[in-house]
Amino acid sequence: MRNLVLYLALACLPAAAAIAPPVRAADSAPTADVPELRSVRAEIKAKQYAAALAELKVLAVKYQTPDVYSLLGHALWKTGDPTQGMAYYYKALAMNPGHKGALEYQGELFVELGQIDKAKENLARLNHLCWLGCEEASDLKEAIEHAPRKS
């Protein structure tokens, strides 16, 4: 009997996999709803913010997603427009309050603006989301630790 139950459970796995919606990572293959962002992420990592911004402005017309808004906010901030950058972080977080990239980048902007308490709030949210740790939380923690101290 036990073997029959195990056999039936295993036999149902392919059917369940066919029914379940696919799970996509931030850098998964683009679909009609999710743009390809690998090149933009590479430009941001290489600190080529103007190039990333140009690409993101085009993408934002068609794709209003938290990933696009978060990266657009970062590119705007890093090209000299922190006010617009912050506006896009808020848009990303309104769509997905647990968006790790937006929480990190917004927190880093808070650090730059001297709003350490707000940066720490973002870090607390990231620590809650990433209870095993994540790069976004580590990077924001480091930014907070290296923030200039007020006299």
C-alpha atoms as a PDB file:
ATOM      1  CA  MET A   1       0.000   0.000   0.000  1.00  0.00           C
ATOM      2  CA  ARG A   2       2.791   2.405   0.951  1.00  0.00           C
ATOM      3  CA  ASN A   3       4.512   1.784  -2.381  1.00  0.00           C
ATOM      4  CA  LEU A   4       1.249   2.456  -4.229  1.00  0.00           C
ATOM      5  CA  VAL A   5       0.825   5.825  -2.504  1.00  0.00           C
ATOM      6  CA  LEU A   6       4.425   6.763  -3.331  1.00  0.00           C
ATOM      7  CA  TYR A   7       3.956   5.664  -6.945  1.00  0.00           C
ATOM      8  CA  LEU A   8       0.773   7.740  -7.311  1.00  0.00           C
ATOM      9  CA  ALA A   9       2.410  10.791  -5.759  1.00  0.00           C
ATOM     10  CA  LEU A  10       5.361  10.560  -8.135  1.00  0.00           C
ATOM     11  CA  ALA A  11       3.076   9.957 -11.103  1.00  0.00           C
ATOM     12  CA  CYS A  12       1.240  13.221 -10.366  1.00  0.00           C
ATOM     13  CA  LEU A  13       4.385  15.392 -10.296  1.00  0.00           C
ATOM     14  CA  PRO A  14       4.618  15.974 -14.076  1.00  0.00           C
ATOM     15  CA  ALA A  15       0.960  16.988 -14.202  1.00  0.00           C
ATOM     16  CA  ALA A  16       1.385  19.393 -11.281  1.00  0.00           C
ATOM     17  CA  ALA A  17       4.458  20.919 -12.906  1.00  0.00           C
ATOM     18  CA  ALA A  18       2.536  21.491 -16.118  1.00  0.00           C
ATOM     19  CA  ILE A  19      -0.249  23.311 -14.255  1.00  0.00           C
ATOM     20  CA  ALA A  20       1.909  25.476 -11.974  1.00  0.00           C
ATOM     21  CA  PRO A  21       2.883  28.907 -13.325  1.00  0.00           C
ATOM     22  CA  PRO A  22       6.567  29.378 -14.039  1.00  0.00           C
ATOM     23  CA  VAL A  23       8.663  31.131 -11.424  1.00  0.00           C
ATOM     24  CA  ARG A  24      10.945  33.777 -12.920  1.00  0.00           C
ATOM     25  CA  ALA A  25      14.012  35.419 -11.449  1.00  0.00           C
ATOM     26  CA  ALA A  26      14.763  39.084 -12.084  1.00  0.00           C
ATOM     27  CA  ASP A  27      17.128  38.130 -14.894  1.00  0.00           C
ATOM     28  CA  SER A  28      15.009  35.393 -16.458  1.00  0.00           C
ATOM     29  CA  ALA A  29      14.164  35.348 -20.128  1.00  0.00           C
ATOM     30  CA  PRO A  30      11.957  38.249 -21.189  1.00  0.00           C
ATOM     31  CA  THR A  31       8.267  37.718 -21.691  1.00  0.00           C
ATOM     32  CA  ALA A  32       5.510  40.055 -22.827  1.00  0.00           C
ATOM     33  CA  ASP A  33       5.355  41.420 -19.266  1.00  0.00           C
ATOM     34  CA  VAL A  34       9.015  41.361 -18.226  1.00  0.00           C
ATOM     35  CA  PRO A  35      11.789  43.093 -20.188  1.00  0.00           C
ATOM     36  CA  GLU A  36      15.324  41.839 -20.659  1.00  0.00           C
ATOM     37  CA  LEU A  37      17.460  43.772 -18.158  1.00  0.00           C
ATOM     38  CA  ARG A  38      20.834  42.021 -18.223  1.00  0.00           C
ATOM     39  CA  SER A  39      22.485  44.709 -20.365  1.00  0.00           C
ATOM     40  CA  VAL A  40      21.114  47.505 -18.148  1.00  0.00           C
ATOM     41  CA  ARG A  41      22.322  45.733 -15.008  1.00  0.00           C
ATOM     42  CA  ALA A  42      25.764  45.288 -16.603  1.00  0.00           C
ATOM     43  CA  GLU A  43      25.906  49.004 -17.466  1.00  0.00           C
ATOM     44  CA  ILE A  44      24.961  49.948 -13.901  1.00  0.00           C
ATOM     45  CA  LYS A  45      27.545  47.555 -12.466  1.00  0.00           C
ATOM     46  CA  ALA A  46      30.137  49.172 -14.779  1.00  0.00           C
ATOM     47  CA  LYS A  47      28.951  52.615 -13.569  1.00  0.00           C
ATOM     48  CA  GLN A  48      27.826  53.533 -17.083  1.00  0.00           C
ATOM     49  CA  TYR A  49      24.749  55.247 -15.691  1.00  0.00           C
ATOM     50  CA  ALA A  50      24.023  57.495 -18.693  1.00  0.00           C
ATOM     51  CA  ALA A  51      23.907  54.502 -21.028  1.00  0.00           C
ATOM     52  CA  ALA A  52      21.665  52.611 -18.598  1.00  0.00           C
ATOM     53  CA  LEU A  53      19.407  55.649 -18.239  1.00  0.00           C
ATOM     54  CA  ALA A  54      18.948  55.979 -22.002  1.00  0.00           C
ATOM     55  CA  GLU A  55      17.990  52.313 -22.283  1.00  0.00           C
ATOM     56  CA  LEU A  56      15.694  52.438 -19.242  1.00  0.00           C
ATOM     57  CA  LYS A  57      13.789  55.491 -20.496  1.00  0.00           C
ATOM     58  CA  VAL A  58      12.818  53.489 -23.582  1.00  0.00           C
ATOM     59  CA  LEU A  59      11.929  50.390 -21.536  1.00  0.00           C
ATOM     60  CA  ALA A  60       9.829  52.375 -19.035  1.00  0.00           C
ATOM     61  CA  VAL A  61       7.420  53.412 -21.785  1.00  0.00           C
ATOM     62  CA  LYS A  62       6.429  49.797 -22.423  1.00  0.00           C
ATOM     63  CA  TYR A  63       7.218  48.129 -19.110  1.00  0.00           C
ATOM     64  CA  GLN A  64       5.983  49.665 -15.879  1.00  0.00           C
ATOM     65  CA  THR A  65       7.530  47.093 -13.542  1.00  0.00           C
ATOM     66  CA  PRO A  66       9.276  47.359 -10.166  1.00  0.00           C
ATOM     67  CA  ASP A  67      12.550  46.163 -11.713  1.00  0.00           C
ATOM     68  CA  VAL A  68      12.476  48.854 -14.410  1.00  0.00           C
ATOM     69  CA  TYR A  69      11.450  51.565 -11.938  1.00  0.00           C
ATOM     70  CA  SER A  70      14.121  50.578  -9.416  1.00  0.00           C
ATOM     71  CA  LEU A  71      16.893  50.582 -12.010  1.00  0.00           C
ATOM     72  CA  LEU A  72      15.561  53.803 -13.557  1.00  0.00           C
ATOM     73  CA  GLY A  73      15.610  55.429 -10.127  1.00  0.00           C
ATOM     74  CA  HIS A  74      19.198  54.344  -9.608  1.00  0.00           C
ATOM     75  CA  ALA A  75      20.325  55.601 -13.017  1.00  0.00           C
ATOM     76  CA  LEU A  76      18.569  58.939 -12.451  1.00  0.00           C
ATOM     77  CA  TRP A  77      20.173  59.354  -9.024  1.00  0.00           C
ATOM     78  CA  LYS A  78      23.633  58.465 -10.292  1.00  0.00           C
ATOM     79  CA  THR A  79      23.334  60.869 -13.250  1.00  0.00           C
ATOM     80  CA  GLY A  80      22.520  63.771 -10.940  1.00  0.00           C
ATOM     81  CA  ASP A  81      18.781  63.681 -10.310  1.00  0.00           C
ATOM     82  CA  PRO A  82      18.249  62.191  -6.839  1.00  0.00           C
ATOM     83  CA  THR A  83      14.735  63.678  -6.544  1.00  0.00           C
ATOM     84  CA  GLN A  84      13.482  61.845  -9.630  1.00  0.00           C
ATOM     85  CA  GLY A  85      15.440  58.773  -8.569  1.00  0.00           C
ATOM     86  CA  MET A  86      13.637  58.740  -5.230  1.00  0.00           C
ATOM     87  CA  ALA A  87      10.285  59.121  -7.010  1.00  0.00           C
ATOM     88  CA  TYR A  88      10.980  55.966  -9.031  1.00  0.00           C
ATOM     89  CA  TYR A  89      12.037  54.021  -5.927  1.00  0.00           C
ATOM     90  CA  TYR A  90       8.690  54.919  -4.373  1.00  0.00           C
ATOM     91  CA  LYS A  91       6.908  53.761  -7.552  1.00  0.00           C
ATOM     92  CA  ALA A  92       8.778  50.444  -7.495  1.00  0.00           C
ATOM     93  CA  LEU A  93       7.988  49.924  -3.816  1.00  0.00           C
ATOM     94  CA  ALA A  94       4.332  50.864  -4.303  1.00  0.00           C
ATOM     95  CA  MET A  95       4.108  48.024  -6.829  1.00  0.00           C
ATOM     96  CA  ASN A  96       6.188  45.599  -4.751  1.00  0.00           C
ATOM     97  CA  PRO A  97       6.903  46.638  -1.140  1.00  0.00           C
ATOM     98  CA  GLY A  98       9.396  43.791  -0.831  1.00  0.00           C
ATOM     99  CA  HIS A  99      11.494  44.699  -3.883  1.00  0.00           C
ATOM    100  CA  LYS A 100      15.000  44.122  -2.569  1.00  0.00           C
ATOM    101  CA  GLY A 101      16.786  46.186  -5.223  1.00  0.00           C
ATOM    102  CA  ALA A 102      14.565  49.231  -4.663  1.00  0.00           C
ATOM    103  CA  LEU A 103      14.961  48.935  -0.889  1.00  0.00           C
ATOM    104  CA  GLU A 104      18.741  48.786  -1.209  1.00  0.00           C
ATOM    105  CA  TYR A 105      19.089  51.643  -3.701  1.00  0.00           C
ATOM    106  CA  GLN A 106      16.583  53.838  -1.863  1.00  0.00           C
ATOM    107  CA  GLY A 107      18.406  53.124   1.399  1.00  0.00           C
ATOM    108  CA  GLU A 108      21.725  54.089  -0.163  1.00  0.00           C
ATOM    109  CA  LEU A 109      20.183  57.341  -1.397  1.00  0.00           C
ATOM    110  CA  PHE A 110      18.843  57.972   2.116  1.00  0.00           C
ATOM    111  CA  VAL A 111      22.437  57.542   3.370  1.00  0.00           C
ATOM    112  CA  GLU A 112      23.701  60.069   0.834  1.00  0.00           C
ATOM    113  CA  LEU A 113      20.968  62.494   1.891  1.00  0.00           C
ATOM    114  CA  GLY A 114      21.942  62.057   5.548  1.00  0.00           C
ATOM    115  CA  GLN A 115      18.676  60.297   6.411  1.00  0.00           C
ATOM    116  CA  ILE A 116      20.316  57.410   8.239  1.00  0.00           C
ATOM    117  CA  ASP A 117      17.183  56.498  10.218  1.00  0.00           C
ATOM    118  CA  LYS A 118      15.271  55.916   6.965  1.00  0.00           C
ATOM    119  CA  ALA A 119      18.176  53.911   5.575  1.00  0.00           C
ATOM    120  CA  LYS A 120      18.107  51.753   8.708  1.00  0.00           C
ATOM    121  CA  GLU A 121      14.361  51.201   8.213  1.00  0.00           C
ATOM    122  CA  ASN A 122      15.077  49.886   4.725  1.00  0.00           C
ATOM    123  CA  LEU A 123      17.823  47.668   6.134  1.00  0.00           C
ATOM    124  CA  ALA A 124      15.400  46.270   8.709  1.00  0.00           C
ATOM    125  CA  ARG A 125      12.934  45.469   5.913  1.00  0.00           C
ATOM    126  CA  LEU A 126      15.674  43.780   3.903  1.00  0.00           C
ATOM    127  CA  ASN A 127      16.793  41.767   6.938  1.00  0.00           C
ATOM    128  CA  HIS A 128      13.203  40.617   7.380  1.00  0.00           C
ATOM    129  CA  LEU A 129      12.983  39.606   3.701  1.00  0.00           C
ATOM    130  CA  CYS A 130      16.446  38.025   3.623  1.00  0.00           C
ATOM    131  CA  TRP A 131      16.558  36.168   6.911  1.00  0.00           C
ATOM    132  CA  LEU A 132      19.453  34.093   5.561  1.00  0.00           C
ATOM    133  CA  GLY A 133      21.174  37.232   4.274  1.00  0.00           C
ATOM    134  CA  CYS A 134      21.334  38.733   0.808  1.00  0.00           C
ATOM    135  CA  GLU A 135      23.595  41.003  -1.211  1.00  0.00           C
ATOM    136  CA  GLU A 136      21.154  43.918  -1.043  1.00  0.00           C
ATOM    137  CA  ALA A 137      21.106  43.881   2.774  1.00  0.00           C
ATOM    138  CA  SER A 138      24.894  43.495   2.970  1.00  0.00           C
ATOM    139  CA  ASP A 139      25.480  46.401   0.576  1.00  0.00           C
ATOM    140  CA  LEU A 140      23.074  48.701   2.412  1.00  0.00           C
ATOM    141  CA  LYS A 141      24.557  47.761   5.786  1.00  0.00           C
ATOM    142  CA  GLU A 142      28.005  48.630   4.469  1.00  0.00           C
ATOM    143  CA  ALA A 143      26.765  51.991   3.128  1.00  0.00           C
ATOM    144  CA  ILE A 144      25.235  52.815   6.520  1.00  0.00           C
ATOM    145  CA  GLU A 145      28.418  51.808   8.362  1.00  0.00           C
ATOM    146  CA  HIS A 146      30.514  54.052   6.092  1.00  0.00           C
ATOM    147  CA  ALA A 147      28.163  57.022   6.251  1.00  0.00           C
ATOM    148  CA  PRO A 148      29.729  60.273   7.410  1.00  0.00           C
ATOM    149  CA  ARG A 149      29.093  60.844  11.094  1.00  0.00           C
ATOM    150  CA  LYS A 150      27.288  64.010  12.124  1.00  0.00           C
ATOM    151  CA  SER A 151      29.217  66.199  14.532  1.00  0.00           C
END
